[in-house]
Amino acid sequence: MSFLVLLFVIKLSLFNFRDLSTIFLALCFALLVVSCSVKPKAQSRYQASFDFTTAKSYSLYYRNSVFSDYQNLSDTDRNSVELAIEQAFDARGFAYKEPEQADFIITYFVSQNSRRDLARYNQGVRYCRYCLQEYDNDSKELSVKPFGTFIVDLVDTKTKRSVWRAVSDIRLSDKDNSQELQVKFEQALIAMLSQYPDQQLLQRAR
């Protein structure tokens, strides 16, 4: 669809205009349309011993919990992330419960060029890359860039350890308002949840 839009704009500009500057502007517009229509891609890994098929509820850590000590986002950005999480997981049929009653707690992190912050977050969710496997049995490591990678973990409420991690590149701008931020996080979460290890996905992975 995006490719057709690009061809249409180029053809229209060449047909109606002979001015190179007009054609250049038309090309820039077409490329903008194409870039905005690209859907986020995600990677994920999961703990095979955790029963994802019976998990029905999720929660988020309270703002006054220890989770805030290793979170690098502002309160405004966290609001956008958590609203996006609630909408994405509710749409998948999960129910929100208090942390003590939920099957897993959702945590998140956005890489901002600080290995120390990422290491502290990994320690906080007890992330073990050797303990999690890729759902399609691919042994490749999750791609976490120094800047602009959105990380989501599902933490088992019993072991306090991450049993599922998904990552997706995300482009954030200082000019983004809260609604724009929420949409970007939602799109990334949709891509991530397409790899949630439910019964159907696990059967394909075997």
C-alpha atoms as a PDB file:
ATOM      1  CA  MET A   1       0.000   0.000   0.000  1.00  0.00           C
ATOM      2  CA  SER A   2       2.787   2.416   0.946  1.00  0.00           C
ATOM      3  CA  PHE A   3       4.690   1.567  -2.248  1.00  0.00           C
ATOM      4  CA  LEU A   4       1.598   2.334  -4.339  1.00  0.00           C
ATOM      5  CA  VAL A   5       1.232   5.689  -2.604  1.00  0.00           C
ATOM      6  CA  LEU A   6       4.842   6.495  -3.460  1.00  0.00           C
ATOM      7  CA  LEU A   7       4.378   5.593  -7.126  1.00  0.00           C
ATOM      8  CA  PHE A   8       1.137   7.554  -7.348  1.00  0.00           C
ATOM      9  CA  VAL A   9       2.653  10.726  -5.924  1.00  0.00           C
ATOM     10  CA  ILE A  10       5.677  10.485  -8.214  1.00  0.00           C
ATOM     11  CA  LYS A  11       3.521   9.917 -11.296  1.00  0.00           C
ATOM     12  CA  LEU A  12       1.160  12.752 -10.351  1.00  0.00           C
ATOM     13  CA  SER A  13       3.981  15.197  -9.789  1.00  0.00           C
ATOM     14  CA  LEU A  14       5.673  14.327 -13.082  1.00  0.00           C
ATOM     15  CA  PHE A  15       2.422  14.613 -14.986  1.00  0.00           C
ATOM     16  CA  ASN A  16       1.265  17.923 -13.564  1.00  0.00           C
ATOM     17  CA  PHE A  17       4.542  19.662 -12.839  1.00  0.00           C
ATOM     18  CA  ARG A  18       7.841  20.176 -14.590  1.00  0.00           C
ATOM     19  CA  ASP A  19       9.392  22.193 -11.816  1.00  0.00           C
ATOM     20  CA  LEU A  20      12.094  20.167 -10.040  1.00  0.00           C
ATOM     21  CA  SER A  21      11.465  21.770  -6.662  1.00  0.00           C
ATOM     22  CA  THR A  22       7.798  20.729  -6.799  1.00  0.00           C
ATOM     23  CA  ILE A  23       8.786  17.181  -7.710  1.00  0.00           C
ATOM     24  CA  PHE A  24      11.276  17.133  -4.843  1.00  0.00           C
ATOM     25  CA  LEU A  25       8.616  18.211  -2.350  1.00  0.00           C
ATOM     26  CA  ALA A  26       6.258  15.575  -3.675  1.00  0.00           C
ATOM     27  CA  LEU A  27       8.924  12.911  -3.207  1.00  0.00           C
ATOM     28  CA  CYS A  28       9.573  14.078   0.360  1.00  0.00           C
ATOM     29  CA  PHE A  29       5.864  13.835   1.127  1.00  0.00           C
ATOM     30  CA  ALA A  30       5.676  10.358  -0.351  1.00  0.00           C
ATOM     31  CA  LEU A  31       8.655   9.170   1.664  1.00  0.00           C
ATOM     32  CA  LEU A  32       7.066  10.600   4.806  1.00  0.00           C
ATOM     33  CA  VAL A  33       3.879   8.635   4.121  1.00  0.00           C
ATOM     34  CA  VAL A  34       5.881   5.455   3.577  1.00  0.00           C
ATOM     35  CA  SER A  35       7.952   5.901   6.744  1.00  0.00           C
ATOM     36  CA  CYS A  36       4.910   6.645   8.913  1.00  0.00           C
ATOM     37  CA  SER A  37       3.117   3.530   7.668  1.00  0.00           C
ATOM     38  CA  VAL A  38       5.910   1.114   8.640  1.00  0.00           C
ATOM     39  CA  LYS A  39       4.732  -1.058  11.517  1.00  0.00           C
ATOM     40  CA  PRO A  40       7.085  -1.696  14.452  1.00  0.00           C
ATOM     41  CA  LYS A  41       8.876  -5.028  14.593  1.00  0.00           C
ATOM     42  CA  ALA A  42       9.469  -6.941  17.787  1.00  0.00           C
ATOM     43  CA  GLN A  43      11.558  -9.773  19.196  1.00  0.00           C
ATOM     44  CA  SER A  44      10.754 -11.809  22.266  1.00  0.00           C
ATOM     45  CA  ARG A  45      11.966 -14.599  24.513  1.00  0.00           C
ATOM     46  CA  TYR A  46      10.098 -16.565  27.169  1.00  0.00           C
ATOM     47  CA  GLN A  47      10.600 -18.933  30.089  1.00  0.00           C
ATOM     48  CA  ALA A  48       9.430 -22.375  28.979  1.00  0.00           C
ATOM     49  CA  SER A  49       8.579 -23.511  32.516  1.00  0.00           C
ATOM     50  CA  PHE A  50       6.075 -20.689  33.075  1.00  0.00           C
ATOM     51  CA  ASP A  51       2.496 -21.576  32.169  1.00  0.00           C
ATOM     52  CA  PHE A  52       1.451 -18.695  29.930  1.00  0.00           C
ATOM     53  CA  THR A  53      -1.704 -20.493  28.802  1.00  0.00           C
ATOM     54  CA  THR A  54      -3.352 -20.140  32.220  1.00  0.00           C
ATOM     55  CA  ALA A  55      -2.197 -16.575  32.931  1.00  0.00           C
ATOM     56  CA  LYS A  56      -5.251 -14.314  32.841  1.00  0.00           C
ATOM     57  CA  SER A  57      -4.325 -11.228  34.862  1.00  0.00           C
ATOM     58  CA  TYR A  58      -1.614  -8.599  34.971  1.00  0.00           C
ATOM     59  CA  SER A  59      -0.585  -5.693  37.133  1.00  0.00           C
ATOM     60  CA  LEU A  60       1.825  -2.768  37.283  1.00  0.00           C
ATOM     61  CA  TYR A  61       4.126  -1.787  40.114  1.00  0.00           C
ATOM     62  CA  TYR A  62       2.992   1.086  42.292  1.00  0.00           C
ATOM     63  CA  ARG A  63       4.761   4.400  41.745  1.00  0.00           C
ATOM     64  CA  ASN A  64       6.194   4.284  45.283  1.00  0.00           C
ATOM     65  CA  SER A  65       7.628   0.775  44.780  1.00  0.00           C
ATOM     66  CA  VAL A  66      11.250  -0.163  44.292  1.00  0.00           C
ATOM     67  CA  PHE A  67      10.548  -0.378  40.554  1.00  0.00           C
ATOM     68  CA  SER A  68      10.708   3.420  40.383  1.00  0.00           C
ATOM     69  CA  ASP A  69      14.326   3.264  41.533  1.00  0.00           C
ATOM     70  CA  TYR A  70      15.422   1.643  38.281  1.00  0.00           C
ATOM     71  CA  GLN A  71      13.000   3.386  35.929  1.00  0.00           C
ATOM     72  CA  ASN A  72      14.490   6.087  33.686  1.00  0.00           C
ATOM     73  CA  LEU A  73      11.292   7.693  32.358  1.00  0.00           C
ATOM     74  CA  SER A  74       9.523  10.804  33.595  1.00  0.00           C
ATOM     75  CA  ASP A  75       6.122  10.498  35.258  1.00  0.00           C
ATOM     76  CA  THR A  76       4.481  11.921  32.126  1.00  0.00           C
ATOM     77  CA  ASP A  77       6.142   9.337  29.887  1.00  0.00           C
ATOM     78  CA  ARG A  78       5.305   6.583  32.357  1.00  0.00           C
ATOM     79  CA  ASN A  79       1.652   7.598  32.197  1.00  0.00           C
ATOM     80  CA  SER A  80       1.711   7.198  28.413  1.00  0.00           C
ATOM     81  CA  VAL A  81       3.439   3.812  28.642  1.00  0.00           C
ATOM     82  CA  GLU A  82       1.101   2.442  31.291  1.00  0.00           C
ATOM     83  CA  LEU A  83      -2.034   3.606  29.487  1.00  0.00           C
ATOM     84  CA  ALA A  84      -0.734   1.903  26.352  1.00  0.00           C
ATOM     85  CA  ILE A  85      -0.004  -1.273  28.349  1.00  0.00           C
ATOM     86  CA  GLU A  86      -3.486  -1.337  29.842  1.00  0.00           C
ATOM     87  CA  GLN A  87      -5.171  -0.897  26.474  1.00  0.00           C
ATOM     88  CA  ALA A  88      -2.983  -3.476  24.721  1.00  0.00           C
ATOM     89  CA  PHE A  89      -3.329  -6.156  27.396  1.00  0.00           C
ATOM     90  CA  ASP A  90      -7.025  -5.499  27.988  1.00  0.00           C
ATOM     91  CA  ALA A  91      -7.566  -5.950  24.250  1.00  0.00           C
ATOM     92  CA  ARG A  92      -5.910  -9.365  24.528  1.00  0.00           C
ATOM     93  CA  GLY A  93      -8.384 -10.410  27.217  1.00  0.00           C
ATOM     94  CA  PHE A  94      -6.184  -9.929  30.290  1.00  0.00           C
ATOM     95  CA  ALA A  95      -7.692  -8.407  33.427  1.00  0.00           C
ATOM     96  CA  TYR A  96      -5.959  -5.885  35.648  1.00  0.00           C
ATOM     97  CA  LYS A  97      -5.522  -6.876  39.300  1.00  0.00           C
ATOM     98  CA  GLU A  98      -3.550  -5.639  42.267  1.00  0.00           C
ATOM     99  CA  PRO A  99       0.124  -6.758  42.212  1.00  0.00           C
ATOM    100  CA  GLU A 100      -0.443  -9.305  44.979  1.00  0.00           C
ATOM    101  CA  GLN A 101      -3.238 -11.018  43.021  1.00  0.00           C
ATOM    102  CA  ALA A 102      -2.010 -10.870  39.412  1.00  0.00           C
ATOM    103  CA  ASP A 103      -0.397 -13.711  37.463  1.00  0.00           C
ATOM    104  CA  PHE A 104       2.403 -11.431  36.320  1.00  0.00           C
ATOM    105  CA  ILE A 105       3.544  -7.831  36.657  1.00  0.00           C
ATOM    106  CA  ILE A 106       4.433  -5.809  33.573  1.00  0.00           C
ATOM    107  CA  THR A 107       7.626  -3.758  33.712  1.00  0.00           C
ATOM    108  CA  TYR A 108       9.174  -1.586  31.019  1.00  0.00           C
ATOM    109  CA  PHE A 109      12.270   0.360  30.074  1.00  0.00           C
ATOM    110  CA  VAL A 110      13.385   2.616  27.195  1.00  0.00           C
ATOM    111  CA  SER A 111      17.110   2.601  26.403  1.00  0.00           C
ATOM    112  CA  GLN A 112      18.583   6.098  26.531  1.00  0.00           C
ATOM    113  CA  ASN A 113      22.275   5.529  25.964  1.00  0.00           C
ATOM    114  CA  SER A 114      23.058   4.357  29.489  1.00  0.00           C
ATOM    115  CA  ARG A 115      24.320   0.821  30.026  1.00  0.00           C
ATOM    116  CA  ARG A 116      24.300   1.394  33.759  1.00  0.00           C
ATOM    117  CA  ASP A 117      20.570   2.197  33.788  1.00  0.00           C
ATOM    118  CA  LEU A 118      19.820  -0.867  31.659  1.00  0.00           C
ATOM    119  CA  ALA A 119      21.954  -3.097  33.888  1.00  0.00           C
ATOM    120  CA  ARG A 120      20.123  -1.795  36.963  1.00  0.00           C
ATOM    121  CA  TYR A 121      16.764  -2.444  35.327  1.00  0.00           C
ATOM    122  CA  ASN A 122      17.817  -5.984  34.311  1.00  0.00           C
ATOM    123  CA  GLN A 123      18.888  -6.655  37.863  1.00  0.00           C
ATOM    124  CA  GLY A 124      15.604  -5.286  39.181  1.00  0.00           C
ATOM    125  CA  VAL A 125      13.512  -7.694  37.077  1.00  0.00           C
ATOM    126  CA  ARG A 126      16.074 -10.495  37.542  1.00  0.00           C
ATOM    127  CA  TYR A 127      16.462 -10.876  33.780  1.00  0.00           C
ATOM    128  CA  CYS A 128      18.408 -13.959  32.702  1.00  0.00           C
ATOM    129  CA  ARG A 129      19.028 -14.104  28.967  1.00  0.00           C
ATOM    130  CA  TYR A 130      20.167 -17.733  29.179  1.00  0.00           C
ATOM    131  CA  CYS A 131      16.934 -18.737  30.932  1.00  0.00           C
ATOM    132  CA  LEU A 132      14.620 -17.473  28.189  1.00  0.00           C
ATOM    133  CA  GLN A 133      14.194 -19.029  24.767  1.00  0.00           C
ATOM    134  CA  GLU A 134      13.027 -17.567  21.471  1.00  0.00           C
ATOM    135  CA  TYR A 135       9.548 -18.747  20.539  1.00  0.00           C
ATOM    136  CA  ASP A 136      10.655 -19.913  17.075  1.00  0.00           C
ATOM    137  CA  ASN A 137      13.720 -21.694  18.535  1.00  0.00           C
ATOM    138  CA  ASP A 138      16.080 -19.105  17.064  1.00  0.00           C
ATOM    139  CA  SER A 139      19.143 -18.653  19.262  1.00  0.00           C
ATOM    140  CA  LYS A 140      19.786 -15.034  18.271  1.00  0.00           C
ATOM    141  CA  GLU A 141      20.099 -12.492  21.052  1.00  0.00           C
ATOM    142  CA  LEU A 142      17.492  -9.787  21.481  1.00  0.00           C
ATOM    143  CA  SER A 143      18.560  -6.574  19.788  1.00  0.00           C
ATOM    144  CA  VAL A 144      18.792  -3.749  22.327  1.00  0.00           C
ATOM    145  CA  LYS A 145      20.198  -0.571  20.841  1.00  0.00           C
ATOM    146  CA  PRO A 146      21.902   2.045  23.033  1.00  0.00           C
ATOM    147  CA  PHE A 147      19.116   4.516  22.270  1.00  0.00           C
ATOM    148  CA  GLY A 148      15.485   3.987  21.325  1.00  0.00           C
ATOM    149  CA  THR A 149      14.689   0.386  22.275  1.00  0.00           C
ATOM    150  CA  PHE A 150      11.445  -0.230  24.155  1.00  0.00           C
ATOM    151  CA  ILE A 151      11.727  -3.205  26.534  1.00  0.00           C
ATOM    152  CA  VAL A 152       8.805  -4.950  28.198  1.00  0.00           C
ATOM    153  CA  ASP A 153       9.109  -7.745  30.763  1.00  0.00           C
ATOM    154  CA  LEU A 154       6.495  -9.943  32.372  1.00  0.00           C
ATOM    155  CA  VAL A 155       7.613 -10.677  35.925  1.00  0.00           C
ATOM    156  CA  ASP A 156       6.330 -13.787  37.678  1.00  0.00           C
ATOM    157  CA  THR A 157       4.706 -12.644  40.929  1.00  0.00           C
ATOM    158  CA  LYS A 158       5.970 -15.775  42.703  1.00  0.00           C
ATOM    159  CA  THR A 159       9.634 -15.809  41.666  1.00  0.00           C
ATOM    160  CA  LYS A 160       9.946 -12.035  41.037  1.00  0.00           C
ATOM    161  CA  ARG A 161      11.822 -12.938  37.860  1.00  0.00           C
ATOM    162  CA  SER A 162      11.193 -11.991  34.236  1.00  0.00           C
ATOM    163  CA  VAL A 163       9.563 -14.880  32.372  1.00  0.00           C
ATOM    164  CA  TRP A 164       8.993 -13.028  29.072  1.00  0.00           C
ATOM    165  CA  ARG A 165      10.846 -10.182  27.433  1.00  0.00           C
ATOM    166  CA  ALA A 166       9.982  -8.345  24.240  1.00  0.00           C
ATOM    167  CA  VAL A 167      11.879  -5.517  22.568  1.00  0.00           C
ATOM    168  CA  SER A 168      10.971  -3.108  19.799  1.00  0.00           C
ATOM    169  CA  ASP A 169      12.623  -0.041  18.327  1.00  0.00           C
ATOM    170  CA  ILE A 170      10.715   3.138  19.076  1.00  0.00           C
ATOM    171  CA  ARG A 171      11.269   6.683  17.864  1.00  0.00           C
ATOM    172  CA  LEU A 172      10.450   9.211  20.539  1.00  0.00           C
ATOM    173  CA  SER A 173      10.667  12.961  20.097  1.00  0.00           C
ATOM    174  CA  ASP A 174      10.698  15.839  22.545  1.00  0.00           C
ATOM    175  CA  LYS A 175       7.885  17.285  20.429  1.00  0.00           C
ATOM    176  CA  ASP A 176       5.598  14.284  21.040  1.00  0.00           C
ATOM    177  CA  ASN A 177       2.610  15.043  23.230  1.00  0.00           C
ATOM    178  CA  SER A 178       1.228  12.455  25.649  1.00  0.00           C
ATOM    179  CA  GLN A 179      -1.286  11.112  23.122  1.00  0.00           C
ATOM    180  CA  GLU A 180       1.386  10.707  20.422  1.00  0.00           C
ATOM    181  CA  LEU A 181       3.640   8.915  22.888  1.00  0.00           C
ATOM    182  CA  GLN A 182       0.842   6.579  23.895  1.00  0.00           C
ATOM    183  CA  VAL A 183       0.125   5.686  20.259  1.00  0.00           C
ATOM    184  CA  LYS A 184       3.793   4.875  19.619  1.00  0.00           C
ATOM    185  CA  PHE A 185       3.975   2.640  22.673  1.00  0.00           C
ATOM    186  CA  GLU A 186       0.679   0.965  21.756  1.00  0.00           C
ATOM    187  CA  GLN A 187       1.918   0.124  18.261  1.00  0.00           C
ATOM    188  CA  ALA A 188       5.079  -1.392  19.701  1.00  0.00           C
ATOM    189  CA  LEU A 189       3.061  -3.385  22.244  1.00  0.00           C
ATOM    190  CA  ILE A 190       0.784  -4.781  19.538  1.00  0.00           C
ATOM    191  CA  ALA A 191       3.866  -6.077  17.702  1.00  0.00           C
ATOM    192  CA  MET A 192       5.225  -7.525  20.935  1.00  0.00           C
ATOM    193  CA  LEU A 193       1.995  -9.251  21.919  1.00  0.00           C
ATOM    194  CA  SER A 194       1.777 -10.940  18.531  1.00  0.00           C
ATOM    195  CA  GLN A 195       4.611 -13.070  19.959  1.00  0.00           C
ATOM    196  CA  TYR A 196       3.030 -13.731  23.334  1.00  0.00           C
ATOM    197  CA  PRO A 197       3.471 -17.474  23.992  1.00  0.00           C
ATOM    198  CA  ASP A 198      -0.166 -18.522  24.142  1.00  0.00           C
ATOM    199  CA  GLN A 199      -1.324 -22.035  23.289  1.00  0.00           C
ATOM    200  CA  GLN A 200      -1.535 -21.422  19.544  1.00  0.00           C
ATOM    201  CA  LEU A 201       1.917 -19.883  19.298  1.00  0.00           C
ATOM    202  CA  LEU A 202       3.522 -22.567  21.440  1.00  0.00           C
ATOM    203  CA  GLN A 203       2.073 -25.274  19.192  1.00  0.00           C
ATOM    204  CA  ARG A 204       3.600 -23.601  16.127  1.00  0.00           C
ATOM    205  CA  ALA A 205       6.946 -23.378  17.899  1.00  0.00           C
ATOM    206  CA  ARG A 206       7.133 -27.126  18.580  1.00  0.00           C
END
